[in-house]
Amino acid sequence: MTHSDILTILNRLIITLNFFLNIFLFSQIHAARTISVDPASQRFFDFPRIEIDQTTREMPAKSSIASKETNAKVGVRKSRRLTGAFTCDDGNDLRTDGQNSEVSDNKNLMSREQRLSHRNFNKPSDRQKNKDEEAESDNTVHFGFTNTQKVGKYTIEKRLGGGDNAECYAARKKYARASVALKLIKVNKKSTKLIDNEMQMLTKAQKHDFVQVFYGSFKYEKFHVIVLQQLHCDLLSQIKNGKTLCRQNVGKVAYQTIQGLEWLGSKNIVHRDLHCGNIFLTKNFSNIVIGDFGCSEMERRNDLKLRFNDLDHISHRVNKGAEYRLLDDIVSVLFLMLTLIGDKNLFSDENLPRMVQKKEHLFNHPENVLTKARNEFMIPVIIEVQSQLNGKLSYPSLIDVFRQIPGFSPLNKYVTSSAPVKHLR
């Protein structure tokens, strides 16, 4: 037997001893960790199979540990590694460590180093914290649909927002080029009439650049789903944190909105809920789009029995109990303009009588109310609307008045800024 043969045998013996030593150490560590299973809660852990690396004969440094729940409320476990949360069918997240008080420390099989790494990995960013705070602060419904969840033939991509009785998600069909907006409304006795009315108004209002496109609708579980054109953002997002818009942008928003209302007027449709949250912008900031027809109806009808007398973006005529007319949508456009330039206080008030008094004073004496350089350009527009309130509605006359506003041209594009993201100036 040569010297090289002896070295080979010794090397193999060392590898074999190392292999059995690793197994022995792992069995001791495993035996030291006892796991208490609570039969009442039916929780159990699914340990992965430990595989030995045939090349290095070493144990793997980390193992993937997954948890299952048999509770029907939680749903079926998704194939997702334990990096902070499980995605469940009901849209809830099951958190590990201190994030979930129901999971005790003796059920956490990760080492201290692994816990620290996972904790740092799962620490939410400041941007995510702001999103969560906004989601919790708004008084809107939350149905709990999660990203990648299927709704009919569509896959949800993200939540867009919510209202009093509906929630919107961006979604996409398989192989589709563009995303759409899914408006989900929970079906009940009160919402059925609203849903039917909204789809009827959307169908009548189609085929105009300044009206949101309606693709169709379907039912999914306990929801009615309306499929709409997905838009870039609403006007409310452009005036957050006290931001205001320049005269060109305010004039163009109002000009295009009135053109859209002229189209709706030709169909005898009154929108009845025009404000910054229901007027949207296209992705390239070329056009506005009128959306959310949940309150709209045919003129001189109120089959939905909706009350508008306490809303600040509604005409003072309607605040006082008058019937909603097409011209009242134009009045809402004027209030929209004042909001965009930062003068909402000229017509809004928490006290209803004072709010009506402010609005009447604005229309009866606009020259005494609009005294600042940023709002005096609206005086001719308000005078024209006031004359039509006492007479007959004329969209061409309104459009002509807008064309004469100093510093505004309907042919010019929206003035935008690209820092930090593209937005109206």
Protein backbone atom coordinates (compact mmCIF):
# COMPACT_ATOMS: atom_id res chain seq x y z
CA MET A 1 0.00 0.00 0.00
CA THR A 2 1.46 3.28 -1.10
CA HIS A 3 1.60 6.54 0.80
CA SER A 4 -1.08 8.11 -1.44
CA ASP A 5 -3.48 5.22 -0.76
CA ILE A 6 -3.11 5.76 2.97
CA LEU A 7 -3.88 9.49 2.60
CA THR A 8 -6.98 8.68 0.54
CA ILE A 9 -8.29 6.27 3.18
CA LEU A 10 -7.65 8.80 5.96
CA ASN A 11 -9.43 11.52 4.00
CA ARG A 12 -12.50 9.32 3.52
CA LEU A 13 -12.51 8.44 7.22
CA ILE A 14 -12.42 12.13 8.15
CA ILE A 15 -15.35 12.89 5.79
CA THR A 16 -17.36 9.98 7.21
CA LEU A 17 -16.71 11.06 10.81
CA ASN A 18 -17.65 14.64 9.96
CA PHE A 19 -20.91 13.42 8.39
CA PHE A 20 -21.95 11.39 11.47
CA LEU A 21 -20.85 14.19 13.80
CA ASN A 22 -23.13 16.67 11.97
CA ILE A 23 -26.06 14.26 12.23
CA PHE A 24 -25.41 13.76 15.95
CA LEU A 25 -25.22 17.51 16.64
CA PHE A 26 -28.39 18.21 14.67
CA SER A 27 -30.31 15.46 16.54
CA GLN A 28 -29.23 16.96 19.88
CA ILE A 29 -30.36 20.44 18.86
CA HIS A 30 -33.63 19.06 17.50
CA ALA A 31 -34.30 17.11 20.70
CA ALA A 32 -33.68 20.22 22.82
CA ARG A 33 -36.39 22.14 20.99
CA THR A 34 -39.77 20.86 22.13
CA ILE A 35 -42.86 22.00 20.26
CA SER A 36 -46.20 22.14 22.10
CA VAL A 37 -49.15 21.46 19.84
CA ASP A 38 -52.45 22.95 20.90
CA PRO A 39 -55.17 20.47 19.84
CA ALA A 40 -57.90 23.06 20.37
CA SER A 41 -56.45 25.46 17.84
CA GLN A 42 -55.37 22.60 15.52
CA ARG A 43 -52.08 24.32 14.73
CA PHE A 44 -49.18 22.20 13.56
CA PHE A 45 -45.88 22.74 11.84
CA ASP A 46 -44.72 21.16 8.65
CA PHE A 47 -40.98 20.45 8.94
CA PRO A 48 -39.05 20.35 5.69
CA ARG A 49 -36.86 17.38 4.85
CA ILE A 50 -33.18 18.04 5.59
CA GLU A 51 -31.00 17.18 2.64
CA ILE A 52 -27.24 16.70 2.87
CA ASP A 53 -25.09 18.41 0.27
CA GLN A 54 -23.37 15.49 -1.48
CA THR A 55 -20.46 17.67 -2.51
CA THR A 56 -19.46 19.25 0.81
CA ARG A 57 -21.15 16.72 3.13
CA GLU A 58 -22.47 19.68 5.15
CA MET A 59 -25.86 20.46 6.54
CA PRO A 60 -27.77 23.33 4.89
CA ALA A 61 -27.33 26.64 6.72
CA LYS A 62 -31.02 27.58 6.55
CA SER A 63 -34.23 25.67 6.18
CA SER A 64 -37.57 26.88 4.86
CA ILE A 65 -40.26 26.50 7.50
CA ALA A 66 -43.91 26.93 6.63
CA SER A 67 -46.98 27.01 8.82
CA LYS A 68 -50.45 25.68 8.02
CA GLU A 69 -53.87 26.62 9.38
CA THR A 70 -56.83 24.27 9.26
CA ASN A 71 -59.24 27.02 10.35
CA ALA A 72 -61.75 27.55 7.53
CA LYS A 73 -61.81 31.29 8.16
CA VAL A 74 -58.12 31.62 7.33
CA GLY A 75 -58.21 29.55 4.18
CA VAL A 76 -55.71 27.42 2.32
CA ARG A 77 -52.03 28.15 2.79
CA LYS A 78 -50.30 29.66 -0.22
CA SER A 79 -46.90 28.42 -1.40
CA ARG A 80 -44.96 31.26 0.13
CA ARG A 81 -41.83 31.19 2.28
CA LEU A 82 -41.89 32.46 5.83
CA THR A 83 -40.49 35.95 5.22
CA GLY A 84 -42.93 37.77 7.46
CA ALA A 85 -46.44 36.96 6.31
CA PHE A 86 -48.69 34.30 4.82
CA THR A 87 -51.09 35.28 2.07
CA CYS A 88 -54.53 33.93 2.96
CA ASP A 89 -57.68 33.57 0.92
CA ASP A 90 -59.61 36.00 3.11
CA GLY A 91 -57.05 38.75 2.51
CA ASN A 92 -55.62 38.71 6.06
CA ASP A 93 -51.93 38.34 6.92
CA LEU A 94 -50.61 36.03 9.62
CA ARG A 95 -47.48 37.64 11.05
CA THR A 96 -44.58 35.98 12.88
CA ASP A 97 -42.68 36.95 16.06
CA GLY A 98 -43.99 40.05 17.86
CA GLN A 99 -46.32 40.87 14.98
CA ASN A 100 -48.78 38.14 16.03
CA SER A 101 -49.50 37.61 19.70
CA GLU A 102 -51.12 34.24 18.98
CA VAL A 103 -47.84 32.66 17.91
CA SER A 104 -45.77 32.04 21.05
CA ASP A 105 -41.99 32.14 21.27
CA ASN A 106 -41.66 28.39 21.74
CA LYS A 107 -43.22 27.88 18.29
CA ASN A 108 -40.67 30.03 16.54
CA LEU A 109 -37.98 27.66 15.24
CA MET A 110 -35.67 30.29 13.79
CA SER A 111 -32.38 31.13 15.46
CA ARG A 112 -31.74 34.58 16.87
CA GLU A 113 -29.67 35.50 13.83
CA GLN A 114 -32.44 34.39 11.48
CA ARG A 115 -35.06 36.35 13.44
CA LEU A 116 -32.98 39.49 13.25
CA SER A 117 -32.45 39.10 9.53
CA HIS A 118 -36.15 38.47 8.95
CA ARG A 119 -37.09 41.40 11.17
CA ASN A 120 -34.90 43.75 9.16
CA PHE A 121 -36.14 42.31 5.91
CA ASN A 122 -39.78 42.75 6.91
CA LYS A 123 -39.39 46.23 8.37
CA PRO A 124 -41.77 48.42 6.34
CA SER A 125 -40.34 51.40 4.52
CA ASP A 126 -41.44 54.97 5.28
CA ARG A 127 -43.30 55.01 1.98
CA GLN A 128 -45.24 51.87 2.92
CA LYS A 129 -46.01 53.31 6.37
CA ASN A 130 -47.50 56.41 4.74
CA LYS A 131 -49.64 54.23 2.47
CA ASP A 132 -50.89 52.20 5.44
CA GLU A 133 -51.69 55.35 7.42
CA GLU A 134 -53.64 56.79 4.49
CA ALA A 135 -55.54 53.53 4.07
CA GLU A 136 -56.48 53.47 7.76
CA SER A 137 -57.40 57.14 7.97
CA ASP A 138 -59.87 57.27 5.09
CA ASN A 139 -63.50 56.48 5.80
CA THR A 140 -63.93 53.98 2.99
CA VAL A 141 -64.88 50.32 2.66
CA HIS A 142 -62.19 47.64 2.49
CA PHE A 143 -63.24 44.30 1.02
CA GLY A 144 -59.81 42.71 1.52
CA PHE A 145 -58.93 41.53 -1.96
CA THR A 146 -55.21 40.84 -2.35
CA ASN A 147 -52.77 41.26 -5.21
CA THR A 148 -52.69 38.33 -7.69
CA GLN A 149 -56.16 37.24 -6.49
CA LYS A 150 -58.52 36.14 -9.25
CA VAL A 151 -61.81 37.96 -9.76
CA GLY A 152 -63.58 36.28 -12.62
CA LYS A 153 -61.22 36.35 -15.61
CA TYR A 154 -59.17 39.18 -14.08
CA THR A 155 -56.12 39.14 -11.80
CA ILE A 156 -55.92 41.95 -9.25
CA GLU A 157 -52.76 44.07 -9.42
CA LYS A 158 -53.33 46.72 -6.75
CA ARG A 159 -55.99 48.64 -4.83
CA LEU A 160 -56.89 52.00 -6.36
CA GLY A 161 -59.24 53.37 -3.72
CA GLY A 162 -62.65 53.10 -2.15
CA GLY A 163 -65.85 54.97 -1.45
CA ASP A 164 -68.86 54.69 0.83
CA ASN A 165 -70.13 51.45 -0.72
CA ALA A 166 -67.59 50.42 -3.37
CA GLU A 167 -63.91 49.65 -3.84
CA CYS A 168 -61.75 49.87 -6.96
CA TYR A 169 -58.83 47.68 -8.01
CA ALA A 170 -56.46 47.69 -10.95
CA ALA A 171 -56.69 44.32 -12.69
CA ARG A 172 -55.70 42.65 -15.92
CA LYS A 173 -56.92 39.80 -18.08
CA LYS A 174 -54.47 37.13 -19.14
CA TYR A 175 -52.50 38.25 -22.22
CA ALA A 176 -54.21 41.69 -22.14
CA ARG A 177 -52.04 44.70 -22.98
CA ALA A 178 -53.58 47.18 -20.57
CA SER A 179 -55.04 47.06 -17.09
CA VAL A 180 -58.63 47.99 -16.27
CA ALA A 181 -60.35 49.29 -13.16
CA LEU A 182 -62.68 46.88 -11.37
CA LYS A 183 -65.31 48.63 -9.27
CA LEU A 184 -66.65 46.12 -6.74
CA ILE A 185 -69.97 46.81 -5.04
CA LYS A 186 -71.37 44.48 -2.41
CA VAL A 187 -74.82 43.34 -3.51
CA ASN A 188 -77.67 44.00 -1.09
CA LYS A 189 -81.18 45.43 -1.18
CA LYS A 190 -79.95 49.03 -1.07
CA SER A 191 -77.16 48.70 -3.64
CA THR A 192 -79.06 46.79 -6.34
CA LYS A 193 -80.94 49.86 -7.53
CA LEU A 194 -77.77 51.99 -7.45
CA ILE A 195 -75.86 49.40 -9.49
CA ASP A 196 -78.56 49.15 -12.15
CA ASN A 197 -78.80 52.93 -12.38
CA GLU A 198 -75.03 53.43 -12.67
CA MET A 199 -74.69 50.89 -15.49
CA GLN A 200 -77.63 52.45 -17.31
CA MET A 201 -76.08 55.94 -17.08
CA LEU A 202 -72.63 54.64 -18.09
CA THR A 203 -74.08 52.92 -21.14
CA LYS A 204 -75.88 56.10 -22.26
CA ALA A 205 -72.82 58.30 -21.62
CA GLN A 206 -70.32 56.37 -23.74
CA LYS A 207 -68.33 57.45 -26.83
CA HIS A 208 -66.83 60.70 -25.59
CA ASP A 209 -63.17 61.44 -24.78
CA PHE A 210 -64.02 63.12 -21.47
CA VAL A 211 -66.24 60.32 -20.13
CA GLN A 212 -64.83 57.17 -18.53
CA VAL A 213 -65.06 54.08 -20.76
CA PHE A 214 -67.42 51.33 -19.59
CA TYR A 215 -66.42 47.81 -20.73
CA GLY A 216 -69.12 45.73 -19.06
CA SER A 217 -70.03 44.07 -15.77
CA PHE A 218 -70.36 40.67 -14.12
CA LYS A 219 -71.14 39.10 -10.76
CA TYR A 220 -68.46 37.57 -8.53
CA GLU A 221 -69.54 35.84 -5.32
CA LYS A 222 -71.44 38.50 -3.30
CA PHE A 223 -70.15 41.41 -5.40
CA HIS A 224 -71.22 43.14 -8.57
CA VAL A 225 -68.16 44.08 -10.62
CA ILE A 226 -68.17 47.01 -13.06
CA VAL A 227 -65.27 47.00 -15.54
CA LEU A 228 -64.04 50.52 -16.36
CA GLN A 229 -61.17 52.32 -18.03
CA GLN A 230 -58.22 52.63 -15.67
CA LEU A 231 -57.06 56.23 -15.34
CA HIS A 232 -53.82 57.73 -14.07
CA CYS A 233 -55.00 59.79 -11.08
CA ASP A 234 -57.77 62.05 -9.84
CA LEU A 235 -57.62 65.82 -9.30
CA LEU A 236 -57.64 65.35 -5.54
CA SER A 237 -54.16 63.80 -5.73
CA GLN A 238 -52.87 66.95 -7.46
CA ILE A 239 -53.80 69.35 -4.64
CA LYS A 240 -52.69 67.40 -1.58
CA ASN A 241 -50.78 69.12 1.23
CA GLY A 242 -52.17 72.57 0.35
CA LYS A 243 -50.94 72.50 -3.25
CA THR A 244 -52.78 74.67 -5.81
CA LEU A 245 -52.86 74.71 -9.61
CA CYS A 246 -51.94 77.48 -12.03
CA ARG A 247 -54.54 79.39 -14.06
CA GLN A 248 -53.87 77.48 -17.30
CA ASN A 249 -54.48 74.13 -15.61
CA VAL A 250 -57.57 75.31 -13.70
CA GLY A 251 -59.05 76.82 -16.85
CA LYS A 252 -58.35 73.73 -18.94
CA VAL A 253 -59.82 71.38 -16.33
CA ALA A 254 -63.03 73.45 -16.22
CA TYR A 255 -63.11 73.89 -20.01
CA GLN A 256 -62.85 70.15 -20.71
CA THR A 257 -65.26 69.28 -17.90
CA ILE A 258 -67.91 71.58 -19.38
CA GLN A 259 -67.36 69.95 -22.78
CA GLY A 260 -67.96 66.58 -21.14
CA LEU A 261 -71.06 67.91 -19.39
CA GLU A 262 -72.34 69.23 -22.72
CA TRP A 263 -72.17 65.65 -24.03
CA LEU A 264 -73.96 64.33 -20.94
CA GLY A 265 -76.54 67.10 -21.31
CA SER A 266 -77.26 65.93 -24.86
CA LYS A 267 -78.16 62.57 -23.28
CA ASN A 268 -80.23 64.35 -20.58
CA ILE A 269 -77.89 63.03 -17.86
CA VAL A 270 -77.04 65.01 -14.72
CA HIS A 271 -73.94 63.79 -12.89
CA ARG A 272 -74.87 65.28 -9.47
CA ASP A 273 -71.54 64.51 -7.79
CA LEU A 274 -68.79 66.52 -9.49
CA HIS A 275 -65.76 67.12 -7.27
CA CYS A 276 -61.98 66.59 -7.31
CA GLY A 277 -62.28 62.90 -6.48
CA ASN A 278 -64.53 62.10 -9.46
CA ILE A 279 -62.59 63.89 -12.20
CA PHE A 280 -59.54 62.02 -13.41
CA LEU A 281 -56.51 62.61 -15.63
CA THR A 282 -55.17 60.39 -18.38
CA LYS A 283 -51.65 58.99 -18.08
CA ASN A 284 -50.05 61.56 -20.39
CA PHE A 285 -51.97 64.46 -18.73
CA SER A 286 -53.68 65.37 -21.99
CA ASN A 287 -57.35 65.12 -20.96
CA ILE A 288 -59.63 65.00 -17.96
CA VAL A 289 -62.16 62.19 -17.66
CA ILE A 290 -65.46 62.37 -15.78
CA GLY A 291 -66.05 59.25 -13.69
CA ASP A 292 -68.20 57.76 -10.93
CA PHE A 293 -71.77 57.84 -12.23
CA GLY A 294 -73.18 56.27 -9.07
CA CYS A 295 -75.31 59.35 -8.27
CA SER A 296 -76.19 60.35 -11.83
CA GLU A 297 -79.74 60.24 -13.18
CA MET A 298 -81.89 61.63 -15.91
CA GLU A 299 -82.72 65.32 -15.41
CA ARG A 300 -85.79 66.14 -13.30
CA ARG A 301 -85.89 62.64 -11.83
CA ASN A 302 -84.80 61.41 -8.41
CA ASP A 303 -85.67 57.75 -8.51
CA LEU A 304 -82.74 56.97 -6.19
CA LYS A 305 -84.17 59.31 -3.52
CA LEU A 306 -80.70 60.71 -2.81
CA ARG A 307 -80.28 63.87 -0.72
CA PHE A 308 -77.62 66.46 -1.58
CA ASN A 309 -78.59 69.43 0.58
CA ASP A 310 -75.61 69.15 2.95
CA LEU A 311 -72.78 68.83 0.37
CA ASP A 312 -70.45 71.77 -0.18
CA HIS A 313 -69.66 70.96 -3.84
CA ILE A 314 -73.36 71.10 -4.76
CA SER A 315 -75.28 74.12 -6.07
CA HIS A 316 -76.86 76.40 -3.45
CA ARG A 317 -80.18 75.83 -5.20
CA VAL A 318 -79.97 72.13 -4.35
CA ASN A 319 -78.69 72.93 -0.84
CA LYS A 320 -81.99 74.74 -0.31
CA GLY A 321 -84.01 71.75 -1.55
CA ALA A 322 -84.53 72.61 -5.23
CA GLU A 323 -84.67 69.93 -7.92
CA TYR A 324 -81.33 69.03 -9.49
CA ARG A 325 -80.88 70.40 -13.03
CA LEU A 326 -78.18 70.22 -15.70
CA LEU A 327 -76.98 73.72 -14.82
CA ASP A 328 -76.31 72.65 -11.23
CA ASP A 329 -73.45 70.50 -12.56
CA ILE A 330 -71.95 73.70 -14.05
CA VAL A 331 -72.17 75.34 -10.62
CA SER A 332 -70.21 72.39 -9.21
CA VAL A 333 -67.51 73.07 -11.83
CA LEU A 334 -67.12 76.61 -10.47
CA PHE A 335 -66.72 75.26 -6.94
CA LEU A 336 -64.20 72.80 -8.36
CA MET A 337 -62.19 75.69 -9.84
CA LEU A 338 -62.14 77.55 -6.51
CA THR A 339 -60.93 74.37 -4.80
CA LEU A 340 -58.08 73.94 -7.29
CA ILE A 341 -56.81 77.50 -6.71
CA GLY A 342 -57.04 77.17 -2.93
CA ASP A 343 -60.18 79.24 -2.24
CA LYS A 344 -62.57 76.56 -1.04
CA ASN A 345 -63.35 78.66 2.02
CA LEU A 346 -65.26 81.12 -0.22
CA PHE A 347 -68.15 78.65 -0.61
CA SER A 348 -67.66 75.87 1.97
CA ASP A 349 -68.72 75.83 5.61
CA GLU A 350 -69.61 73.17 8.18
CA ASN A 351 -72.76 75.10 9.04
CA LEU A 352 -75.36 74.61 6.28
CA PRO A 353 -77.08 78.04 6.53
CA ARG A 354 -73.70 79.82 6.47
CA MET A 355 -72.60 77.68 3.51
CA VAL A 356 -75.72 78.63 1.52
CA GLN A 357 -75.20 82.27 2.44
CA LYS A 358 -71.59 82.15 1.20
CA LYS A 359 -72.62 80.61 -2.12
CA GLU A 360 -75.42 83.10 -2.70
CA HIS A 361 -73.11 86.01 -1.90
CA LEU A 362 -70.52 84.61 -4.32
CA PHE A 363 -73.01 84.46 -7.20
CA ASN A 364 -74.81 87.72 -6.42
CA HIS A 365 -71.67 89.80 -5.81
CA PRO A 366 -68.66 87.98 -7.34
CA GLU A 367 -66.69 91.23 -7.66
CA ASN A 368 -66.84 91.67 -3.86
CA VAL A 369 -65.79 88.07 -3.11
CA LEU A 370 -63.17 87.36 -5.79
CA THR A 371 -60.72 90.13 -4.93
CA LYS A 372 -57.39 88.30 -5.24
CA ALA A 373 -55.20 88.07 -8.34
CA ARG A 374 -55.49 84.29 -8.38
CA ASN A 375 -59.32 84.22 -8.50
CA GLU A 376 -60.50 87.44 -10.17
CA PHE A 377 -60.41 85.77 -13.60
CA MET A 378 -63.48 83.76 -12.51
CA ILE A 379 -65.74 86.83 -12.18
CA PRO A 380 -66.98 86.78 -15.84
CA VAL A 381 -67.61 83.02 -15.62
CA ILE A 382 -69.72 83.35 -12.46
CA ILE A 383 -71.68 86.26 -13.95
CA GLU A 384 -72.49 84.12 -17.02
CA VAL A 385 -73.57 81.14 -14.90
CA GLN A 386 -75.72 83.39 -12.69
CA SER A 387 -77.49 84.77 -15.76
CA GLN A 388 -78.20 81.23 -16.95
CA LEU A 389 -79.51 80.20 -13.54
CA ASN A 390 -82.26 82.75 -14.09
CA GLY A 391 -82.72 81.84 -17.76
CA LYS A 392 -81.75 79.01 -20.13
CA LEU A 393 -78.65 76.82 -20.12
CA SER A 394 -76.24 77.49 -23.01
CA TYR A 395 -73.00 75.49 -23.17
CA PRO A 396 -71.59 77.48 -26.16
CA SER A 397 -71.94 80.74 -24.21
CA LEU A 398 -70.06 79.25 -21.27
CA ILE A 399 -67.29 77.94 -23.51
CA ASP A 400 -66.94 81.39 -25.14
CA VAL A 401 -66.48 83.00 -21.74
CA PHE A 402 -63.70 80.55 -20.89
CA ARG A 403 -61.91 81.31 -24.14
CA GLN A 404 -61.69 84.97 -23.11
CA ILE A 405 -60.01 84.28 -19.74
CA PRO A 406 -56.65 86.13 -19.62
CA GLY A 407 -53.69 83.74 -19.38
CA PHE A 408 -55.67 80.71 -20.53
CA SER A 409 -55.80 79.03 -23.93
CA PRO A 410 -57.75 75.81 -24.55
CA LEU A 411 -55.21 74.94 -27.27
CA ASN A 412 -52.29 74.90 -24.82
CA LYS A 413 -51.40 71.70 -22.99
CA TYR A 414 -51.55 71.16 -19.26
CA VAL A 415 -48.56 72.62 -17.44
CA THR A 416 -46.75 69.77 -15.67
CA SER A 417 -43.67 69.15 -13.58
CA SER A 418 -41.67 65.92 -13.50
CA ALA A 419 -40.09 66.14 -10.03
CA PRO A 420 -40.39 63.93 -8.05
CA VAL A 421 -43.11 62.43 -10.26
CA LYS A 422 -45.10 63.96 -13.08
CA HIS A 423 -47.92 66.17 -11.76
CA LEU A 424 -49.91 69.29 -12.58
CA ARG A 425 -48.39 72.63 -11.64
